[in-house]
Amino acid sequence: MNSFKQMKPLRMRSKLKKTRILLKQPKIARHIPLTVSFSNGNLQFMLNRYRMVYVKPDQGAMGVGVMRVEKHQGGYQYQYGTRVYRYSSLSALCLALRDRMKGRRYLIQKGIRLLRYRQRPFDLRLMVQKNPARKWEPTGMFGRVAHPRKAVTNGSQGGSIYCASRLIRSYAGKEQTRRLIKQMKHIALLTAHQLGGVNRTLNELGLDIALDRKLKPWILEVNTRPDICPFTLLKDKSPLRKIIAYGRWNGRRYRLTCKKARRGN
């Protein structure tokens, strides 16, 4: 067994830490929504500036604990799961959010208003891995359409899995879709090189990327141990085969049973 296989990957769990590393690369920084640690003052600033933000655990996965928070003319609201909670003051909102956080570290991220497919928001997951030549390579991509009553798109939260180009083509022509996918793959490679330069044990990343209404890509999150089971729901199985092969080469085994994600129709 090669020596690189024997190195246990060091997890980069903190979303804020990963964000700060990526912001040092100007070509990546332009695709990262403003992200700050949670405080009452920061929440007030972000809501005044953007009107809608996402409040997320600094460490976590599968969309667990993510809240969509909005400021309206009549007050404030946040959505958690399928429920929406409304408040007349910022102080009441902050008390409710802190109660939900239970002392854990959270961050606030500028809200990107996701494109929609059949009236449901969607984003994209792009997988990038080190290949047998030890070079970073984009190996697969799929689209995630949110559960009809939820604000997060994760398959683990009941989202539906689609071919990425199908979702993008509902807003762009064939050639523009091709260019956008090429651009997102380039962003993924830049991200992999930036994070890989800090943590050389990384062998794979899963980037959650959103397109805004101007079709600009935004990196919502970077996962250092991505779940690949949604690839099993795609008709084209060639990306799944490559991901499994590269994962095996890098000493990784995957769970291939999707309990909550659904196949898009």
C-alpha atoms as a PDB file:
ATOM      1  CA  MET A   1       0.000   0.000   0.000  1.00  0.00           C
ATOM      2  CA  ASN A   2       1.317   3.431  -0.925  1.00  0.00           C
ATOM      3  CA  SER A   3       2.242   5.770   1.920  1.00  0.00           C
ATOM      4  CA  PHE A   4      -0.438   8.320   1.042  1.00  0.00           C
ATOM      5  CA  LYS A   5      -3.093   5.673   1.628  1.00  0.00           C
ATOM      6  CA  GLN A   6      -1.862   5.184   5.163  1.00  0.00           C
ATOM      7  CA  MET A   7      -2.366   8.838   6.119  1.00  0.00           C
ATOM      8  CA  LYS A   8      -5.686   9.311   7.866  1.00  0.00           C
ATOM      9  CA  PRO A   9      -7.326  12.468   6.468  1.00  0.00           C
ATOM     10  CA  LEU A  10      -7.480  15.306   8.984  1.00  0.00           C
ATOM     11  CA  ARG A  11     -11.036  16.641   9.134  1.00  0.00           C
ATOM     12  CA  MET A  12     -11.514  20.358   8.627  1.00  0.00           C
ATOM     13  CA  ARG A  13     -14.764  20.704  10.542  1.00  0.00           C
ATOM     14  CA  SER A  14     -15.067  24.460  11.061  1.00  0.00           C
ATOM     15  CA  LYS A  15     -16.952  26.173   8.244  1.00  0.00           C
ATOM     16  CA  LEU A  16     -15.556  29.561   9.304  1.00  0.00           C
ATOM     17  CA  LYS A  17     -11.998  28.252   9.231  1.00  0.00           C
ATOM     18  CA  LYS A  18     -12.458  26.845   5.722  1.00  0.00           C
ATOM     19  CA  THR A  19     -14.048  30.112   4.600  1.00  0.00           C
ATOM     20  CA  ARG A  20     -11.114  32.176   5.891  1.00  0.00           C
ATOM     21  CA  ILE A  21      -8.635  29.933   4.089  1.00  0.00           C
ATOM     22  CA  LEU A  22     -10.559  30.262   0.813  1.00  0.00           C
ATOM     23  CA  LEU A  23     -10.869  34.045   1.127  1.00  0.00           C
ATOM     24  CA  LYS A  24      -7.085  34.294   0.782  1.00  0.00           C
ATOM     25  CA  GLN A  25      -7.445  33.268  -2.875  1.00  0.00           C
ATOM     26  CA  PRO A  26      -8.961  36.262  -4.745  1.00  0.00           C
ATOM     27  CA  LYS A  27     -10.376  34.131  -7.579  1.00  0.00           C
ATOM     28  CA  ILE A  28     -12.310  32.078  -5.030  1.00  0.00           C
ATOM     29  CA  ALA A  29     -13.184  34.960  -2.703  1.00  0.00           C
ATOM     30  CA  ARG A  30     -15.472  36.580  -5.286  1.00  0.00           C
ATOM     31  CA  HIS A  31     -17.669  33.461  -5.148  1.00  0.00           C
ATOM     32  CA  ILE A  32     -18.027  33.280  -1.342  1.00  0.00           C
ATOM     33  CA  PRO A  33     -21.015  34.935   0.363  1.00  0.00           C
ATOM     34  CA  LEU A  34     -20.132  37.171   3.307  1.00  0.00           C
ATOM     35  CA  THR A  35     -19.872  34.891   6.341  1.00  0.00           C
ATOM     36  CA  VAL A  36     -19.406  35.987   9.965  1.00  0.00           C
ATOM     37  CA  SER A  37     -19.595  34.393  13.394  1.00  0.00           C
ATOM     38  CA  PHE A  38     -22.956  34.592  15.118  1.00  0.00           C
ATOM     39  CA  SER A  39     -23.622  37.463  17.506  1.00  0.00           C
ATOM     40  CA  ASN A  40     -26.655  39.659  18.041  1.00  0.00           C
ATOM     41  CA  GLY A  41     -24.788  42.605  16.541  1.00  0.00           C
ATOM     42  CA  ASN A  42     -23.647  40.639  13.511  1.00  0.00           C
ATOM     43  CA  LEU A  43     -27.172  39.355  12.937  1.00  0.00           C
ATOM     44  CA  GLN A  44     -28.548  42.898  13.019  1.00  0.00           C
ATOM     45  CA  PHE A  45     -25.866  44.073  10.561  1.00  0.00           C
ATOM     46  CA  MET A  46     -26.404  41.175   8.162  1.00  0.00           C
ATOM     47  CA  LEU A  47     -30.198  41.444   8.183  1.00  0.00           C
ATOM     48  CA  ASN A  48     -30.066  45.201   7.644  1.00  0.00           C
ATOM     49  CA  ARG A  49     -27.735  44.665   4.709  1.00  0.00           C
ATOM     50  CA  TYR A  50     -29.174  41.555   3.051  1.00  0.00           C
ATOM     51  CA  ARG A  51     -32.691  41.092   4.504  1.00  0.00           C
ATOM     52  CA  MET A  52     -32.245  37.322   4.323  1.00  0.00           C
ATOM     53  CA  VAL A  53     -29.439  35.202   5.789  1.00  0.00           C
ATOM     54  CA  TYR A  54     -28.710  31.612   6.736  1.00  0.00           C
ATOM     55  CA  VAL A  55     -27.692  30.795  10.302  1.00  0.00           C
ATOM     56  CA  LYS A  56     -25.683  27.553  10.379  1.00  0.00           C
ATOM     57  CA  PRO A  57     -23.748  25.443  12.883  1.00  0.00           C
ATOM     58  CA  ASP A  58     -20.026  26.095  12.460  1.00  0.00           C
ATOM     59  CA  GLN A  59     -19.558  22.333  12.559  1.00  0.00           C
ATOM     60  CA  GLY A  60     -22.152  20.036  11.082  1.00  0.00           C
ATOM     61  CA  ALA A  61     -23.439  18.331   7.967  1.00  0.00           C
ATOM     62  CA  MET A  62     -26.557  17.228   6.074  1.00  0.00           C
ATOM     63  CA  GLY A  63     -28.318  20.551   6.653  1.00  0.00           C
ATOM     64  CA  VAL A  64     -28.940  19.771  10.322  1.00  0.00           C
ATOM     65  CA  GLY A  65     -29.480  22.929  12.374  1.00  0.00           C
ATOM     66  CA  VAL A  66     -29.601  25.315   9.401  1.00  0.00           C
ATOM     67  CA  MET A  67     -32.085  28.192   9.733  1.00  0.00           C
ATOM     68  CA  ARG A  68     -33.234  30.704   7.136  1.00  0.00           C
ATOM     69  CA  VAL A  69     -33.703  34.094   8.830  1.00  0.00           C
ATOM     70  CA  GLU A  70     -35.479  37.082   7.237  1.00  0.00           C
ATOM     71  CA  LYS A  71     -36.280  40.680   8.046  1.00  0.00           C
ATOM     72  CA  HIS A  72     -39.640  42.008   6.921  1.00  0.00           C
ATOM     73  CA  GLN A  73     -41.338  45.354   7.271  1.00  0.00           C
ATOM     74  CA  GLY A  74     -43.486  43.968  10.063  1.00  0.00           C
ATOM     75  CA  GLY A  75     -40.729  42.154  11.958  1.00  0.00           C
ATOM     76  CA  TYR A  76     -38.569  39.041  11.687  1.00  0.00           C
ATOM     77  CA  GLN A  77     -38.935  35.342  11.017  1.00  0.00           C
ATOM     78  CA  TYR A  78     -36.870  32.199  10.813  1.00  0.00           C
ATOM     79  CA  GLN A  79     -37.567  28.825   9.236  1.00  0.00           C
ATOM     80  CA  TYR A  80     -36.320  25.617  10.810  1.00  0.00           C
ATOM     81  CA  GLY A  81     -37.348  22.427   9.063  1.00  0.00           C
ATOM     82  CA  THR A  82     -40.912  22.913   7.867  1.00  0.00           C
ATOM     83  CA  ARG A  83     -41.925  25.438  10.550  1.00  0.00           C
ATOM     84  CA  VAL A  84     -41.734  29.244  10.395  1.00  0.00           C
ATOM     85  CA  TYR A  85     -41.459  31.313  13.582  1.00  0.00           C
ATOM     86  CA  ARG A  86     -42.278  35.053  13.613  1.00  0.00           C
ATOM     87  CA  TYR A  87     -41.164  37.831  15.970  1.00  0.00           C
ATOM     88  CA  SER A  88     -41.878  41.529  16.295  1.00  0.00           C
ATOM     89  CA  SER A  89     -38.396  42.506  17.524  1.00  0.00           C
ATOM     90  CA  LEU A  90     -34.780  41.592  16.868  1.00  0.00           C
ATOM     91  CA  SER A  91     -34.207  40.888  20.561  1.00  0.00           C
ATOM     92  CA  ALA A  92     -37.015  38.319  20.616  1.00  0.00           C
ATOM     93  CA  LEU A  93     -35.622  36.708  17.463  1.00  0.00           C
ATOM     94  CA  CYS A  94     -32.121  36.490  18.961  1.00  0.00           C
ATOM     95  CA  LEU A  95     -33.438  34.889  22.145  1.00  0.00           C
ATOM     96  CA  ALA A  96     -35.272  32.269  20.108  1.00  0.00           C
ATOM     97  CA  LEU A  97     -32.255  31.534  17.908  1.00  0.00           C
ATOM     98  CA  ARG A  98     -29.924  31.201  20.896  1.00  0.00           C
ATOM     99  CA  ASP A  99     -32.362  28.822  22.513  1.00  0.00           C
ATOM    100  CA  ARG A 100     -32.275  26.733  19.332  1.00  0.00           C
ATOM    101  CA  MET A 101     -28.437  26.835  19.237  1.00  0.00           C
ATOM    102  CA  LYS A 102     -28.065  25.422  22.758  1.00  0.00           C
ATOM    103  CA  GLY A 103     -24.651  27.007  23.276  1.00  0.00           C
ATOM    104  CA  ARG A 104     -23.094  25.657  20.072  1.00  0.00           C
ATOM    105  CA  ARG A 105     -21.023  27.856  17.774  1.00  0.00           C
ATOM    106  CA  TYR A 106     -22.961  29.192  14.794  1.00  0.00           C
ATOM    107  CA  LEU A 107     -22.230  31.432  11.830  1.00  0.00           C
ATOM    108  CA  ILE A 108     -24.278  33.818   9.691  1.00  0.00           C
ATOM    109  CA  GLN A 109     -24.043  33.668   5.899  1.00  0.00           C
ATOM    110  CA  LYS A 110     -25.411  36.123   3.365  1.00  0.00           C
ATOM    111  CA  GLY A 111     -28.540  34.599   1.877  1.00  0.00           C
ATOM    112  CA  ILE A 112     -28.317  33.699  -1.793  1.00  0.00           C
ATOM    113  CA  ARG A 113     -31.792  33.583  -3.304  1.00  0.00           C
ATOM    114  CA  LEU A 114     -31.652  30.239  -5.024  1.00  0.00           C
ATOM    115  CA  LEU A 115     -33.030  29.551  -8.451  1.00  0.00           C
ATOM    116  CA  ARG A 116     -36.155  27.402  -8.457  1.00  0.00           C
ATOM    117  CA  TYR A 117     -37.270  24.301 -10.271  1.00  0.00           C
ATOM    118  CA  ARG A 118     -41.005  23.607 -10.150  1.00  0.00           C
ATOM    119  CA  GLN A 119     -41.327  26.343  -7.508  1.00  0.00           C
ATOM    120  CA  ARG A 120     -38.731  24.695  -5.246  1.00  0.00           C
ATOM    121  CA  PRO A 121     -35.212  26.118  -4.601  1.00  0.00           C
ATOM    122  CA  PHE A 122     -32.212  24.181  -5.882  1.00  0.00           C
ATOM    123  CA  ASP A 123     -28.445  24.178  -5.673  1.00  0.00           C
ATOM    124  CA  LEU A 124     -25.660  21.925  -6.934  1.00  0.00           C
ATOM    125  CA  ARG A 125     -23.165  19.505  -5.427  1.00  0.00           C
ATOM    126  CA  LEU A 126     -19.827  19.145  -7.205  1.00  0.00           C
ATOM    127  CA  MET A 127     -17.402  16.379  -6.246  1.00  0.00           C
ATOM    128  CA  VAL A 128     -13.647  16.785  -6.710  1.00  0.00           C
ATOM    129  CA  GLN A 129     -11.102  14.070  -5.837  1.00  0.00           C
ATOM    130  CA  LYS A 130      -7.443  13.239  -6.159  1.00  0.00           C
ATOM    131  CA  ASN A 131      -7.024  10.763  -8.994  1.00  0.00           C
ATOM    132  CA  PRO A 132      -4.448   7.935  -9.119  1.00  0.00           C
ATOM    133  CA  ALA A 133      -1.884  10.432 -10.450  1.00  0.00           C
ATOM    134  CA  ARG A 134      -2.472  12.464  -7.233  1.00  0.00           C
ATOM    135  CA  LYS A 135      -3.965  15.360  -9.204  1.00  0.00           C
ATOM    136  CA  TRP A 136      -7.269  16.998  -8.287  1.00  0.00           C
ATOM    137  CA  GLU A 137     -10.049  16.130 -10.731  1.00  0.00           C
ATOM    138  CA  PRO A 138     -13.794  16.981 -10.832  1.00  0.00           C
ATOM    139  CA  THR A 139     -15.522  13.607 -10.802  1.00  0.00           C
ATOM    140  CA  GLY A 140     -19.255  14.255 -10.558  1.00  0.00           C
ATOM    141  CA  MET A 141     -22.062  16.743 -10.158  1.00  0.00           C
ATOM    142  CA  PHE A 142     -25.758  16.653  -9.348  1.00  0.00           C
ATOM    143  CA  GLY A 143     -28.563  19.061  -8.555  1.00  0.00           C
ATOM    144  CA  ARG A 144     -30.534  19.151  -5.297  1.00  0.00           C
ATOM    145  CA  VAL A 145     -34.124  20.407  -5.250  1.00  0.00           C
ATOM    146  CA  ALA A 146     -35.480  21.234  -1.798  1.00  0.00           C
ATOM    147  CA  HIS A 147     -38.300  19.385  -0.098  1.00  0.00           C
ATOM    148  CA  PRO A 148     -41.527  21.324  -0.906  1.00  0.00           C
ATOM    149  CA  ARG A 149     -41.827  22.676   2.653  1.00  0.00           C
ATOM    150  CA  LYS A 150     -38.155  23.229   3.523  1.00  0.00           C
ATOM    151  CA  ALA A 151     -35.553  25.936   2.879  1.00  0.00           C
ATOM    152  CA  VAL A 152     -32.561  23.569   2.658  1.00  0.00           C
ATOM    153  CA  THR A 153     -31.851  21.379  -0.362  1.00  0.00           C
ATOM    154  CA  ASN A 154     -29.962  18.477   1.244  1.00  0.00           C
ATOM    155  CA  GLY A 155     -31.028  15.013   0.201  1.00  0.00           C
ATOM    156  CA  SER A 156     -30.823  14.020   3.862  1.00  0.00           C
ATOM    157  CA  GLN A 157     -33.553  16.610   4.488  1.00  0.00           C
ATOM    158  CA  GLY A 158     -35.856  15.100   1.865  1.00  0.00           C
ATOM    159  CA  GLY A 159     -34.460  16.882  -1.196  1.00  0.00           C
ATOM    160  CA  SER A 160     -34.752  15.431  -4.705  1.00  0.00           C
ATOM    161  CA  ILE A 161     -31.724  14.596  -6.838  1.00  0.00           C
ATOM    162  CA  TYR A 162     -31.550  15.666 -10.483  1.00  0.00           C
ATOM    163  CA  CYS A 163     -29.043  15.834 -13.302  1.00  0.00           C
ATOM    164  CA  ALA A 164     -27.330  19.207 -12.787  1.00  0.00           C
ATOM    165  CA  SER A 165     -27.537  20.286 -16.430  1.00  0.00           C
ATOM    166  CA  ARG A 166     -31.296  19.665 -16.475  1.00  0.00           C
ATOM    167  CA  LEU A 167     -31.816  22.188 -13.673  1.00  0.00           C
ATOM    168  CA  ILE A 168     -29.433  24.769 -15.125  1.00  0.00           C
ATOM    169  CA  ARG A 169     -31.004  24.490 -18.595  1.00  0.00           C
ATOM    170  CA  SER A 170     -34.300  25.676 -17.153  1.00  0.00           C
ATOM    171  CA  TYR A 171     -32.570  29.106 -16.925  1.00  0.00           C
ATOM    172  CA  ALA A 172     -29.817  28.931 -19.546  1.00  0.00           C
ATOM    173  CA  GLY A 173     -29.327  27.655 -23.059  1.00  0.00           C
ATOM    174  CA  LYS A 174     -27.289  24.590 -23.896  1.00  0.00           C
ATOM    175  CA  GLU A 175     -24.043  26.481 -24.559  1.00  0.00           C
ATOM    176  CA  GLN A 176     -24.369  28.733 -21.502  1.00  0.00           C
ATOM    177  CA  THR A 177     -25.085  25.666 -19.367  1.00  0.00           C
ATOM    178  CA  ARG A 178     -21.898  24.059 -20.665  1.00  0.00           C
ATOM    179  CA  ARG A 179     -19.883  27.205 -19.833  1.00  0.00           C
ATOM    180  CA  LEU A 180     -21.383  27.449 -16.342  1.00  0.00           C
ATOM    181  CA  ILE A 181     -20.548  23.830 -15.546  1.00  0.00           C
ATOM    182  CA  LYS A 182     -16.999  24.377 -16.817  1.00  0.00           C
ATOM    183  CA  GLN A 183     -16.709  27.501 -14.634  1.00  0.00           C
ATOM    184  CA  MET A 184     -17.939  25.656 -11.544  1.00  0.00           C
ATOM    185  CA  LYS A 185     -15.459  22.831 -12.134  1.00  0.00           C
ATOM    186  CA  HIS A 186     -12.679  25.427 -12.338  1.00  0.00           C
ATOM    187  CA  ILE A 187     -13.863  26.981  -9.059  1.00  0.00           C
ATOM    188  CA  ALA A 188     -13.872  23.509  -7.476  1.00  0.00           C
ATOM    189  CA  LEU A 189     -10.290  22.875  -8.573  1.00  0.00           C
ATOM    190  CA  LEU A 190      -9.144  26.242  -7.202  1.00  0.00           C
ATOM    191  CA  THR A 191     -10.886  25.390  -3.930  1.00  0.00           C
ATOM    192  CA  ALA A 192      -9.254  21.969  -3.744  1.00  0.00           C
ATOM    193  CA  HIS A 193      -5.785  23.394  -4.341  1.00  0.00           C
ATOM    194  CA  GLN A 194      -6.340  26.139  -1.746  1.00  0.00           C
ATOM    195  CA  LEU A 195      -7.589  23.840   1.010  1.00  0.00           C
ATOM    196  CA  GLY A 196      -5.227  21.054  -0.029  1.00  0.00           C
ATOM    197  CA  GLY A 197      -2.302  23.421   0.358  1.00  0.00           C
ATOM    198  CA  VAL A 198      -3.208  23.820   4.033  1.00  0.00           C
ATOM    199  CA  ASN A 199      -4.240  20.206   4.684  1.00  0.00           C
ATOM    200  CA  ARG A 200      -2.276  17.838   2.486  1.00  0.00           C
ATOM    201  CA  THR A 201      -4.176  14.789   3.753  1.00  0.00           C
ATOM    202  CA  LEU A 202      -7.328  15.866   1.884  1.00  0.00           C
ATOM    203  CA  ASN A 203      -8.266  13.553  -0.972  1.00  0.00           C
ATOM    204  CA  GLU A 204     -11.806  14.669  -1.783  1.00  0.00           C
ATOM    205  CA  LEU A 205     -14.199  17.576  -1.395  1.00  0.00           C
ATOM    206  CA  GLY A 206     -17.890  18.146  -2.001  1.00  0.00           C
ATOM    207  CA  LEU A 207     -18.777  21.730  -2.911  1.00  0.00           C
ATOM    208  CA  ASP A 208     -22.306  23.034  -2.485  1.00  0.00           C
ATOM    209  CA  ILE A 209     -22.733  25.719  -5.148  1.00  0.00           C
ATOM    210  CA  ALA A 210     -25.704  27.994  -5.770  1.00  0.00           C
ATOM    211  CA  LEU A 211     -26.507  30.038  -8.853  1.00  0.00           C
ATOM    212  CA  ASP A 212     -28.138  33.389  -8.204  1.00  0.00           C
ATOM    213  CA  ARG A 213     -30.607  35.108 -10.504  1.00  0.00           C
ATOM    214  CA  LYS A 214     -27.733  36.470 -12.607  1.00  0.00           C
ATOM    215  CA  LEU A 215     -26.339  32.906 -12.882  1.00  0.00           C
ATOM    216  CA  LYS A 216     -23.288  33.757 -10.767  1.00  0.00           C
ATOM    217  CA  PRO A 217     -21.933  30.730  -8.872  1.00  0.00           C
ATOM    218  CA  TRP A 218     -21.613  31.004  -5.068  1.00  0.00           C
ATOM    219  CA  ILE A 219     -19.837  28.510  -2.810  1.00  0.00           C
ATOM    220  CA  LEU A 220     -22.257  27.828   0.030  1.00  0.00           C
ATOM    221  CA  GLU A 221     -20.223  25.184   1.781  1.00  0.00           C
ATOM    222  CA  VAL A 222     -17.252  22.852   1.317  1.00  0.00           C
ATOM    223  CA  ASN A 223     -17.480  19.337   2.747  1.00  0.00           C
ATOM    224  CA  THR A 224     -14.294  17.388   3.459  1.00  0.00           C
ATOM    225  CA  ARG A 225     -16.131  14.067   3.851  1.00  0.00           C
ATOM    226  CA  PRO A 226     -18.961  14.273   1.310  1.00  0.00           C
ATOM    227  CA  ASP A 227     -21.826  11.819   1.079  1.00  0.00           C
ATOM    228  CA  ILE A 228     -21.944  10.271  -2.388  1.00  0.00           C
ATOM    229  CA  CYS A 229     -25.174   8.280  -2.081  1.00  0.00           C
ATOM    230  CA  PRO A 230     -27.166  10.857  -4.141  1.00  0.00           C
ATOM    231  CA  PHE A 231     -25.060   9.862  -7.167  1.00  0.00           C
ATOM    232  CA  THR A 232     -26.768   6.445  -6.995  1.00  0.00           C
ATOM    233  CA  LEU A 233     -30.048   8.179  -7.881  1.00  0.00           C
ATOM    234  CA  LEU A 234     -28.769   9.558 -11.190  1.00  0.00           C
ATOM    235  CA  LYS A 235     -29.515   7.703 -14.408  1.00  0.00           C
ATOM    236  CA  ASP A 236     -25.911   8.090 -15.579  1.00  0.00           C
ATOM    237  CA  LYS A 237     -23.826   5.845 -13.316  1.00  0.00           C
ATOM    238  CA  SER A 238     -20.418   6.678 -14.836  1.00  0.00           C
ATOM    239  CA  PRO A 239     -19.628   9.474 -12.294  1.00  0.00           C
ATOM    240  CA  LEU A 240     -20.533   7.103  -9.439  1.00  0.00           C
ATOM    241  CA  ARG A 241     -18.191   4.431 -10.761  1.00  0.00           C
ATOM    242  CA  LYS A 242     -15.315   6.891 -11.050  1.00  0.00           C
ATOM    243  CA  ILE A 243     -15.954   8.349  -7.581  1.00  0.00           C
ATOM    244  CA  ILE A 244     -15.969   4.878  -6.005  1.00  0.00           C
ATOM    245  CA  ALA A 245     -12.788   3.891  -7.867  1.00  0.00           C
ATOM    246  CA  TYR A 246     -10.929   7.053  -6.826  1.00  0.00           C
ATOM    247  CA  GLY A 247     -12.259   6.731  -3.298  1.00  0.00           C
ATOM    248  CA  ARG A 248     -10.961   3.160  -3.095  1.00  0.00           C
ATOM    249  CA  TRP A 249      -7.589   4.348  -4.359  1.00  0.00           C
ATOM    250  CA  ASN A 250      -7.575   6.938  -1.570  1.00  0.00           C
ATOM    251  CA  GLY A 251      -8.608   4.427   1.088  1.00  0.00           C
ATOM    252  CA  ARG A 252     -12.247   5.544   1.355  1.00  0.00           C
ATOM    253  CA  ARG A 253     -15.367   3.390   1.454  1.00  0.00           C
ATOM    254  CA  TYR A 254     -18.817   4.880   0.930  1.00  0.00           C
ATOM    255  CA  ARG A 255     -22.349   4.386   2.162  1.00  0.00           C
ATOM    256  CA  LEU A 256     -24.468   3.884  -0.942  1.00  0.00           C
ATOM    257  CA  THR A 257     -27.943   3.659   0.573  1.00  0.00           C
ATOM    258  CA  CYS A 258     -29.994   6.867   0.475  1.00  0.00           C
ATOM    259  CA  LYS A 259     -32.612   6.849   3.219  1.00  0.00           C
ATOM    260  CA  LYS A 260     -34.240  10.237   2.640  1.00  0.00           C
ATOM    261  CA  ALA A 261     -33.020  11.639  -0.693  1.00  0.00           C
ATOM    262  CA  ARG A 262     -35.384  11.106  -3.584  1.00  0.00           C
ATOM    263  CA  ARG A 263     -34.860  10.599  -7.298  1.00  0.00           C
ATOM    264  CA  GLY A 264     -36.119  13.587  -9.258  1.00  0.00           C
ATOM    265  CA  ASN A 265     -38.734  12.958 -11.906  1.00  0.00           C
END
